[in-house]
Amino acid sequence: REGLVTSLQITILAARANGKFVIDGVYNNFRHGDGLYQECMQGKTWGMDGKTLIHPNQVKTANEVFAPSEEEVEHARRLIACWDEATSSSEGAFTGVAVLDGIMVEELHVKSARLLLARAEKIAPITGG
């Protein structure tokens, strides 16, 4: 996989530029749960949206990694609320950024947060969340 890093990252960039999802390739050793977890985490960190699976015992791990966590959902909600408050403020002109917990928030972060909430909403009936 190390030799594919550049190609995988270019694939992710191309997909994002064209509004496409990126599903990571198969992890063949379906009996090695730790390896699957590590590869799923790596894919998520790089910006992939999911993992191609070849065995039923891989589903739980992939879902746990790629489904938004409660913390991610809560942060997304706070980020959107912060943005909405900043953009609707009557205290002068909006500068194009907001600040949440000392960190600058721009419209691109709000777009990502809204996508995360939409994904969480679609997954909730499946996971019971």
Foldseek 3Di string as FASTA:
>chain_A
DVVCVVVLLVVQVVCVVVVHAAEAEEDPPLVDQVVLLVVLLVCVVSPHQFYDYDDPVSVVSGCVSRQDDPVLLVVLVVLLVQVVCQCPDPPDDRPQWGADPNDIHHPVSNVVSVVNNVRNVVCCVVVVD
